[in-house]
N, C-alpha and C. Protein backbone atom coordinates (compact mmCIF):
# COMPACT_ATOMS: atom_id res chain seq x y z
N UNK A 1 101.28 55.06 88.10
CA UNK A 1 100.08 54.37 88.70
C UNK A 1 99.76 53.32 87.80
N UNK A 2 99.08 52.07 88.68
CA UNK A 2 98.90 50.94 87.59
C UNK A 2 97.38 51.04 87.12
N UNK A 3 96.83 51.87 88.15
CA UNK A 3 95.17 51.86 87.72
C UNK A 3 94.76 52.45 86.30
N UNK A 4 93.81 51.69 85.56
CA UNK A 4 93.47 52.04 84.52
C UNK A 4 91.91 52.09 84.75
N UNK A 5 91.18 53.03 84.08
CA UNK A 5 89.52 52.98 84.48
C UNK A 5 89.13 52.75 82.62
N UNK A 6 88.70 51.53 82.31
CA UNK A 6 88.39 51.25 81.30
C UNK A 6 86.54 51.63 81.19
N UNK A 7 86.17 52.46 80.16
CA UNK A 7 84.76 53.28 79.94
C UNK A 7 84.59 52.86 78.77
N UNK A 8 83.80 51.89 78.33
CA UNK A 8 83.33 51.30 76.93
C UNK A 8 82.43 52.48 76.67
N UNK A 9 81.88 52.27 75.45
CA UNK A 9 80.66 52.93 75.00
C UNK A 9 79.47 51.88 75.36
N UNK A 10 78.44 52.29 75.28
CA UNK A 10 77.37 51.41 75.42
C UNK A 10 77.17 50.53 74.33
N UNK A 11 77.72 50.40 73.25
CA UNK A 11 77.61 49.77 72.03
C UNK A 11 78.88 48.45 71.82
N UNK A 12 79.91 48.79 72.83
CA UNK A 12 81.00 48.29 72.65
C UNK A 12 80.94 46.77 72.96
N UNK A 13 81.29 45.51 72.29
CA UNK A 13 81.18 44.57 72.43
C UNK A 13 81.70 43.88 73.79
N UNK A 14 81.50 42.75 74.47
CA UNK A 14 82.00 42.39 75.33
C UNK A 14 83.39 41.90 74.86
N UNK A 15 83.64 41.21 73.75
CA UNK A 15 84.89 40.80 73.17
C UNK A 15 85.80 42.00 73.37
N UNK A 16 85.75 43.30 72.92
CA UNK A 16 86.38 44.37 72.88
C UNK A 16 87.02 44.82 74.40
N UNK A 17 85.54 44.55 75.18
CA UNK A 17 86.11 45.25 76.56
C UNK A 17 87.02 44.25 77.42
N UNK A 18 86.61 42.67 77.22
CA UNK A 18 87.82 41.80 77.50
C UNK A 18 89.40 42.18 77.16
N UNK A 19 89.12 42.16 75.79
CA UNK A 19 90.38 42.10 74.59
C UNK A 19 91.29 43.55 75.74
N UNK A 20 90.71 44.71 75.70
CA UNK A 20 90.83 45.94 76.54
C UNK A 20 91.90 45.77 77.82
N UNK A 21 90.64 44.93 78.78
CA UNK A 21 91.12 44.61 80.04
C UNK A 21 92.53 43.78 79.98
N UNK A 22 92.29 42.61 79.07
CA UNK A 22 93.46 41.94 79.22
C UNK A 22 94.71 42.56 78.38
N UNK A 23 94.96 43.42 77.77
CA UNK A 23 96.05 44.24 77.23
C UNK A 23 96.54 45.24 78.67
N UNK A 24 95.55 45.92 79.38
CA UNK A 24 96.22 46.35 80.18
C UNK A 24 96.86 45.34 81.55
N UNK A 25 96.27 44.27 81.29
CA UNK A 25 96.63 43.22 82.50
C UNK A 25 98.02 43.04 81.79
N UNK A 26 98.32 42.72 80.91
CA UNK A 26 99.37 42.27 80.37
C UNK A 26 100.72 43.42 80.59
N UNK A 27 100.26 44.55 80.58
CA UNK A 27 101.23 45.72 80.90
C UNK A 27 101.50 45.72 82.11
N UNK A 28 100.82 44.95 83.06
CA UNK A 28 101.09 45.07 84.45
C UNK A 28 100.47 46.06 85.05
N UNK A 29 99.20 46.58 84.16
CA UNK A 29 98.31 47.53 84.94
C UNK A 29 97.22 47.06 85.58
N UNK A 30 96.51 47.59 86.35
CA UNK A 30 95.33 47.08 87.25
C UNK A 30 93.89 47.91 86.70
N UNK A 31 93.24 47.33 85.53
CA UNK A 31 92.46 47.54 85.02
C UNK A 31 91.00 47.29 85.62
N UNK A 32 90.39 48.25 85.88
CA UNK A 32 88.70 48.39 86.29
C UNK A 32 87.68 48.58 85.01
N UNK A 33 86.72 47.73 85.16
CA UNK A 33 85.38 48.14 84.30
C UNK A 33 84.30 48.92 84.51
N UNK A 34 84.86 50.41 84.17
CA UNK A 34 83.62 51.70 84.63
C UNK A 34 82.47 51.40 83.94
N UNK A 35 81.12 50.61 84.32
CA UNK A 35 79.97 50.11 83.54
C UNK A 35 79.31 51.73 82.79
N UNK A 36 79.20 52.84 83.31
CA UNK A 36 78.82 53.81 82.92
C UNK A 36 79.63 55.01 83.05
N UNK A 37 79.82 55.67 82.38
CA UNK A 37 80.62 57.27 82.36
C UNK A 37 80.05 58.13 83.26
N UNK A 38 80.71 58.65 84.38
CA UNK A 38 80.79 59.33 85.12
C UNK A 38 81.36 60.76 85.24
N UNK A 39 81.51 61.95 85.15
CA UNK A 39 82.07 62.71 85.41
C UNK A 39 83.27 62.65 86.23
N UNK A 40 84.41 62.64 86.23
CA UNK A 40 85.19 62.71 86.60
C UNK A 40 85.92 61.01 87.17
N UNK A 41 85.21 60.13 86.78
CA UNK A 41 85.64 58.97 86.46
C UNK A 41 85.66 57.97 87.66
N UNK A 42 86.33 56.80 88.27
CA UNK A 42 85.68 56.73 89.75
C UNK A 42 87.15 57.02 90.76
N UNK A 43 88.21 56.67 90.48
CA UNK A 43 89.17 56.85 91.45
C UNK A 43 89.09 58.94 91.82
N UNK A 44 88.92 59.37 90.87
CA UNK A 44 89.00 60.90 91.20
C UNK A 44 87.64 61.44 91.91
N UNK A 45 86.75 60.65 91.84
CA UNK A 45 85.42 60.97 92.53
C UNK A 45 85.78 60.56 93.56
N UNK A 46 86.52 59.76 94.12
CA UNK A 46 86.40 59.25 95.64
C UNK A 46 87.67 60.52 96.32
N UNK A 47 88.73 60.45 95.40
CA UNK A 47 89.57 61.59 95.75
C UNK A 47 88.80 62.95 96.33
N UNK A 48 88.06 62.79 95.24
CA UNK A 48 87.43 64.49 95.41
C UNK A 48 86.41 64.47 96.58
N UNK A 49 85.96 63.25 96.86
CA UNK A 49 85.02 63.44 98.04
C UNK A 49 85.86 63.50 99.68
N UNK A 50 86.85 62.51 99.47
CA UNK A 50 87.49 62.69 100.73
C UNK A 50 88.32 64.17 100.84
N UNK A 51 88.85 64.98 99.95
CA UNK A 51 89.53 66.16 99.85
C UNK A 51 88.17 67.08 100.20
N UNK A 52 87.12 66.91 99.88
CA UNK A 52 85.82 67.95 100.07
C UNK A 52 85.90 67.69 101.98
N UNK A 53 85.60 66.60 102.60
CA UNK A 53 85.54 66.55 103.99
C UNK A 53 86.96 67.10 104.73
N UNK A 54 88.24 66.72 103.93
CA UNK A 54 89.35 67.10 104.77
C UNK A 54 89.21 69.05 104.18
N UNK A 55 89.02 69.41 103.45
CA UNK A 55 88.87 71.02 103.46
C UNK A 55 87.83 71.49 104.15
N UNK A 56 86.88 70.66 104.59
CA UNK A 56 85.74 71.14 105.35
C UNK A 56 86.21 70.97 106.89
N UNK A 57 87.17 70.06 107.36
CA UNK A 57 87.50 69.99 108.62
C UNK A 57 88.67 71.18 108.59
N UNK A 58 89.48 71.45 107.78
CA UNK A 58 90.60 72.06 107.97
C UNK A 58 90.02 73.72 108.07
N UNK A 59 89.05 73.76 107.08
CA UNK A 59 88.55 75.17 107.16
C UNK A 59 88.02 75.66 108.05
N UNK A 60 87.08 74.72 108.73
CA UNK A 60 86.41 75.07 109.95
C UNK A 60 87.19 74.94 111.37
N UNK A 61 88.50 75.01 111.19
CA UNK A 61 89.48 74.85 112.24
C UNK A 61 89.35 73.50 113.30
N UNK A 62 88.69 72.40 112.68
CA UNK A 62 88.70 71.12 113.52
C UNK A 62 90.17 70.32 113.80
N UNK A 63 90.87 70.76 112.64
CA UNK A 63 92.32 70.08 112.64
C UNK A 63 93.11 71.13 111.69
N UNK A 64 94.52 70.61 111.71
CA UNK A 64 95.05 71.32 110.73
C UNK A 64 95.53 70.66 109.96
N UNK A 65 96.08 71.61 108.48
CA UNK A 65 96.30 70.53 107.52
C UNK A 65 97.30 69.74 107.92
N UNK A 66 98.09 70.19 108.68
CA UNK A 66 99.57 68.92 108.99
C UNK A 66 98.75 67.70 109.64
N UNK A 67 97.82 67.97 110.59
CA UNK A 67 97.31 66.69 111.10
C UNK A 67 96.64 65.97 110.50
N UNK A 68 95.86 66.70 109.40
CA UNK A 68 95.02 65.99 108.69
C UNK A 68 95.75 65.09 107.92
N UNK A 69 96.93 65.59 107.47
CA UNK A 69 97.98 64.55 106.61
C UNK A 69 97.90 63.60 107.28
N UNK A 70 99.00 63.86 108.69
CA UNK A 70 98.84 62.68 109.42
C UNK A 70 98.05 61.65 109.63
N UNK A 71 96.92 62.13 109.95
CA UNK A 71 95.47 61.24 110.23
C UNK A 71 95.06 60.36 109.12
N UNK A 72 95.35 60.94 107.91
CA UNK A 72 94.92 60.18 106.97
C UNK A 72 96.05 59.10 106.16
N UNK A 73 97.26 59.65 106.39
CA UNK A 73 98.40 58.57 106.02
C UNK A 73 98.83 57.40 106.89
N UNK A 74 98.35 57.89 108.29
CA UNK A 74 98.82 57.05 109.46
C UNK A 74 97.66 56.13 109.74
N UNK A 75 96.35 56.25 109.27
CA UNK A 75 95.10 55.79 109.30
C UNK A 75 94.90 54.66 108.24
N UNK A 76 93.65 55.65 107.75
CA UNK A 76 92.88 54.73 106.97
C UNK A 76 93.70 54.67 105.42
N UNK A 77 94.41 55.70 105.15
CA UNK A 77 95.64 55.47 103.94
C UNK A 77 96.31 54.17 103.76
N UNK A 78 97.18 53.88 105.02
CA UNK A 78 97.61 52.67 105.09
C UNK A 78 97.11 51.42 104.81
N UNK A 79 96.14 51.12 105.42
CA UNK A 79 95.08 50.02 104.94
C UNK A 79 94.30 50.11 103.39
N UNK A 80 94.02 51.54 103.00
CA UNK A 80 93.38 51.33 101.89
C UNK A 80 94.67 51.16 100.54
N UNK A 81 96.08 50.90 101.09
CA UNK A 81 97.12 50.81 100.23
C UNK A 81 96.93 49.59 99.86
N UNK A 82 96.20 48.63 100.73
CA UNK A 82 96.51 47.11 100.47
C UNK A 82 94.48 46.53 99.86
N UNK A 83 93.97 47.77 100.57
CA UNK A 83 92.72 46.90 100.63
C UNK A 83 91.76 47.96 100.53
N UNK A 84 90.56 47.76 99.56
CA UNK A 84 89.83 48.84 99.70
C UNK A 84 88.49 48.86 100.61
N UNK A 85 87.56 49.79 100.39
CA UNK A 85 86.78 50.04 101.35
C UNK A 85 85.86 48.70 101.89
N UNK A 86 85.59 47.74 100.78
CA UNK A 86 85.05 46.92 101.15
C UNK A 86 85.72 45.53 102.10
N UNK A 87 86.71 45.52 101.32
CA UNK A 87 87.50 44.36 101.97
C UNK A 87 87.95 45.20 103.69
N UNK A 88 88.45 46.36 103.76
CA UNK A 88 88.77 46.77 105.04
C UNK A 88 87.28 46.67 105.85
N UNK A 89 85.99 46.84 105.52
CA UNK A 89 85.16 47.08 106.21
C UNK A 89 84.67 45.50 106.79
N UNK A 90 84.78 44.74 105.76
CA UNK A 90 84.60 42.84 106.35
C UNK A 90 85.80 42.53 107.34
N UNK A 91 86.91 43.45 106.82
CA UNK A 91 88.21 42.34 108.10
C UNK A 91 87.35 43.43 109.55
N UNK A 92 86.98 44.96 109.60
CA UNK A 92 86.69 45.80 110.57
C UNK A 92 85.03 44.83 111.60
N UNK A 93 84.40 44.01 110.54
CA UNK A 93 83.25 43.53 111.18
C UNK A 93 83.74 41.92 111.10
N UNK A 94 85.17 41.44 110.99
CA UNK A 94 85.21 40.06 111.46
C UNK A 94 85.67 38.96 110.40
N UNK A 95 85.61 39.84 109.22
CA UNK A 95 86.09 39.05 107.70
C UNK A 95 85.01 38.77 107.00
N UNK A 96 85.29 38.39 105.97
CA UNK A 96 84.23 37.86 104.87
C UNK A 96 83.08 38.46 104.64
N UNK A 97 81.91 38.00 104.12
CA UNK A 97 81.10 38.57 103.95
C UNK A 97 80.13 39.14 105.09
N UNK A 98 80.06 37.97 106.08
CA UNK A 98 79.76 37.99 107.24
C UNK A 98 80.36 39.18 108.31
N UNK A 99 81.57 39.85 108.03
CA UNK A 99 82.21 40.76 108.54
C UNK A 99 81.31 42.18 107.92
N UNK A 100 81.48 41.90 106.65
CA UNK A 100 80.98 43.27 105.92
C UNK A 100 79.33 43.50 106.58
N UNK A 101 78.64 42.80 106.47
CA UNK A 101 77.23 42.64 107.23
C UNK A 101 77.20 43.22 108.44
N UNK A 102 78.23 42.49 109.54
CA UNK A 102 78.36 42.93 110.71
C UNK A 102 78.76 44.32 110.91
N UNK A 103 79.72 44.73 110.43
CA UNK A 103 80.04 46.41 110.31
C UNK A 103 78.74 47.25 109.79
N UNK A 104 78.08 46.49 108.87
CA UNK A 104 77.04 47.44 108.27
C UNK A 104 76.09 47.77 109.19
N UNK A 105 75.58 46.98 109.98
CA UNK A 105 74.56 46.59 111.17
C UNK A 105 74.82 47.57 112.35
N UNK A 106 76.37 47.10 112.62
CA UNK A 106 76.98 47.54 113.95
C UNK A 106 77.01 49.15 113.94
N UNK A 107 77.88 49.57 112.72
CA UNK A 107 78.12 50.92 112.60
C UNK A 107 77.45 51.83 111.64
N UNK A 108 76.67 51.29 111.18
CA UNK A 108 75.54 51.96 110.00
C UNK A 108 75.02 53.19 110.54
N UNK A 109 74.24 52.85 111.53
CA UNK A 109 73.40 54.16 112.08
C UNK A 109 74.04 55.25 112.71
N UNK A 110 75.25 54.76 113.47
CA UNK A 110 76.03 56.23 113.52
C UNK A 110 77.03 56.86 112.55
N UNK A 111 77.46 56.14 111.74
CA UNK A 111 77.81 56.61 110.63
C UNK A 111 76.93 57.59 109.57
N UNK A 112 75.97 57.06 109.66
CA UNK A 112 74.75 57.86 109.34
C UNK A 112 74.52 59.16 109.82
N UNK A 113 75.00 59.55 111.01
CA UNK A 113 75.16 60.77 111.69
C UNK A 113 76.17 61.78 111.29
N UNK A 114 77.29 60.68 111.11
CA UNK A 114 78.12 61.34 110.80
C UNK A 114 78.38 62.34 109.38
N UNK A 115 77.64 61.08 108.67
CA UNK A 115 77.13 61.68 106.98
C UNK A 115 76.29 63.04 107.10
N UNK A 116 75.50 62.77 107.97
CA UNK A 116 74.44 64.22 107.98
C UNK A 116 75.43 65.59 108.42
N UNK A 117 76.30 65.24 109.47
CA UNK A 117 77.06 66.43 109.79
C UNK A 117 78.22 66.79 108.56
N UNK A 118 78.38 65.90 107.67
CA UNK A 118 79.31 66.15 106.66
C UNK A 118 78.83 66.92 105.65
N UNK A 119 77.37 66.16 105.00
CA UNK A 119 76.17 67.34 104.39
C UNK A 119 76.11 68.93 105.25
N UNK A 120 75.92 68.72 106.17
CA UNK A 120 75.64 70.22 106.61
C UNK A 120 76.96 71.08 106.65
N UNK A 121 78.19 70.51 106.56
CA UNK A 121 79.62 71.08 106.81
C UNK A 121 80.38 70.89 105.68
N UNK A 122 79.31 70.56 104.43
CA UNK A 122 80.36 70.23 103.38
C UNK A 122 81.00 71.95 103.25
N UNK A 123 82.17 71.46 102.52
CA UNK A 123 83.26 72.54 102.19
C UNK A 123 82.51 73.31 101.23
N UNK A 124 82.20 74.75 101.65
CA UNK A 124 81.36 75.51 100.87
C UNK A 124 81.90 76.27 99.75
N UNK A 125 83.60 76.33 99.32
CA UNK A 125 84.06 76.97 98.53
C UNK A 125 84.30 78.39 98.61
N UNK A 126 83.31 78.97 99.42
CA UNK A 126 83.40 80.07 100.44
C UNK A 126 84.92 80.95 100.21
N UNK A 127 85.08 82.66 99.89
CA UNK A 127 86.20 83.10 100.18
C UNK A 127 86.67 82.92 101.41
N UNK A 128 85.69 83.00 102.61
CA UNK A 128 86.18 82.94 104.00
C UNK A 128 86.98 81.54 104.10
N UNK A 129 86.17 80.35 103.45
CA UNK A 129 86.58 79.08 103.83
C UNK A 129 88.23 78.92 103.28
N UNK A 130 88.11 79.12 101.71
CA UNK A 130 89.29 79.31 101.07
C UNK A 130 90.55 79.60 101.65
N UNK A 131 90.13 81.43 102.35
CA UNK A 131 91.31 81.68 102.77
C UNK A 131 91.61 80.91 104.45
N UNK A 132 90.44 80.25 104.90
CA UNK A 132 91.08 79.43 106.18
C UNK A 132 91.74 78.27 105.68
N UNK A 133 91.46 77.80 104.65
CA UNK A 133 92.16 76.62 104.11
C UNK A 133 93.37 77.06 103.70
N UNK A 134 94.10 77.71 103.12
CA UNK A 134 95.00 78.19 102.38
C UNK A 134 96.14 78.62 103.66
N UNK A 135 95.68 79.46 104.57
CA UNK A 135 96.37 79.43 105.59
C UNK A 135 97.07 78.29 106.82
N UNK A 136 96.12 77.46 106.56
CA UNK A 136 96.13 75.98 107.66
C UNK A 136 97.39 75.34 106.22
N UNK A 137 97.03 75.15 104.71
CA UNK A 137 98.14 74.33 103.96
C UNK A 137 99.40 75.17 103.82
N UNK A 138 99.34 76.67 104.24
CA UNK A 138 101.00 77.25 104.36
C UNK A 138 101.67 77.29 105.11
N UNK A 139 101.04 77.07 106.44
CA UNK A 139 101.82 76.92 107.75
C UNK A 139 102.16 75.22 107.63
N UNK A 140 101.66 74.58 107.07
CA UNK A 140 101.85 72.89 106.59
C UNK A 140 102.99 72.90 105.60
N UNK A 141 102.57 73.57 104.51
CA UNK A 141 103.12 72.99 103.24
C UNK A 141 104.44 74.19 102.97
N UNK A 142 104.27 75.36 103.78
CA UNK A 142 105.24 76.39 103.35
C UNK A 142 106.80 75.99 103.61
N UNK A 143 107.06 75.25 104.58
CA UNK A 143 108.81 74.86 104.58
C UNK A 143 108.93 73.52 104.35
N UNK A 144 108.07 73.34 103.54
CA UNK A 144 108.53 71.53 102.84
C UNK A 144 109.20 72.16 101.32
N UNK A 145 110.36 71.41 101.03
CA UNK A 145 110.76 71.15 99.95
C UNK A 145 110.14 70.09 98.82
N UNK A 146 109.43 71.02 97.93
CA UNK A 146 108.43 70.15 97.36
C UNK A 146 109.09 69.14 96.13
N UNK A 147 110.42 69.54 96.04
CA UNK A 147 111.08 68.70 94.97
C UNK A 147 111.59 67.53 95.78
N UNK A 148 111.82 67.67 97.12
CA UNK A 148 112.47 66.83 97.80
C UNK A 148 111.48 65.77 98.40
N UNK A 149 110.45 66.55 98.71
CA UNK A 149 109.11 65.61 99.14
C UNK A 149 108.67 64.79 98.12
N UNK A 150 108.58 65.26 96.88
CA UNK A 150 108.45 64.18 95.78
C UNK A 150 109.03 63.10 95.40
N UNK A 151 110.61 63.40 95.48
CA UNK A 151 111.26 62.43 95.14
C UNK A 151 111.18 61.37 96.50
N UNK A 152 110.94 61.69 97.32
CA UNK A 152 110.94 61.08 98.59
C UNK A 152 109.66 59.90 98.40
N UNK A 153 108.77 60.90 98.18
CA UNK A 153 107.11 60.12 98.00
C UNK A 153 107.51 59.27 96.67
N UNK A 154 108.07 59.40 95.76
CA UNK A 154 108.01 58.32 94.66
C UNK A 154 108.75 57.33 94.90
N UNK A 155 109.84 57.67 95.88
CA UNK A 155 110.79 56.17 96.39
C UNK A 155 110.09 55.46 96.96
N UNK A 156 109.26 55.80 98.28
CA UNK A 156 108.30 55.17 99.03
C UNK A 156 107.09 54.39 97.87
N UNK A 157 106.44 55.03 97.12
CA UNK A 157 105.53 54.54 96.04
C UNK A 157 106.04 53.43 95.54
N UNK A 158 107.57 53.39 94.62
CA UNK A 158 107.84 52.66 93.57
C UNK A 158 108.28 51.27 95.14
N UNK A 159 108.59 51.35 96.15
CA UNK A 159 108.91 50.65 97.03
C UNK A 159 107.56 49.41 97.60
N UNK A 160 106.40 50.37 97.71
CA UNK A 160 105.18 49.86 97.65
C UNK A 160 104.65 49.15 96.84
N UNK A 161 104.86 49.55 95.30
CA UNK A 161 104.16 49.23 94.27
C UNK A 161 105.07 47.73 94.09
N UNK A 162 106.54 47.60 94.52
CA UNK A 162 106.87 46.77 94.08
C UNK A 162 106.71 45.63 95.35
N UNK A 163 106.28 45.98 96.77
CA UNK A 163 105.79 44.82 97.83
C UNK A 163 104.50 44.44 97.42
N UNK A 164 103.75 45.35 96.76
CA UNK A 164 102.44 44.70 96.44
C UNK A 164 102.31 43.66 95.07
N UNK A 165 102.90 44.14 93.89
CA UNK A 165 103.84 43.18 92.92
C UNK A 165 103.95 41.66 93.26
N UNK A 166 104.72 41.55 94.40
CA UNK A 166 105.65 40.42 94.79
C UNK A 166 104.01 39.25 95.73
N UNK A 167 103.54 40.51 95.89
CA UNK A 167 102.79 39.52 96.93
C UNK A 167 101.31 39.43 96.16
N UNK A 168 101.33 39.87 94.73
CA UNK A 168 99.64 39.79 94.17
C UNK A 168 99.62 38.22 93.89
């Protein structure tokens, strides 16, 4: 993966930070500057937030594990491979900063209701929730040949990375 999260010590010089970012860029990586250390770093925390909601939806039988995976990979996951949430939201509101603000103002109040529901129904890691989650995951993952699926995924990832590099 091209992402590198650079987390300097508070006393690290700007020159050292710039040098580190430049070094990783020279290797073809996509470094980001994390201004303050946080447990799990940035990308893992975003992934954990998505996983928590996914686990909640599946354990409450709102959607199967299979359909959850399909929803993400055929919905926001496609956009997120090309644009992060800020750019995606700006596009959804018409583009640019004005589009970002339009989206916040138009959907913000409704999204707040979703967030309240998500907070009330946060995956609780209870035995019952884990059991339900495992059952749906088994139905989805059980028949999959993991070795073949990884090989197929890795080939698609390389193709996507190649396409992104060509267009950067």
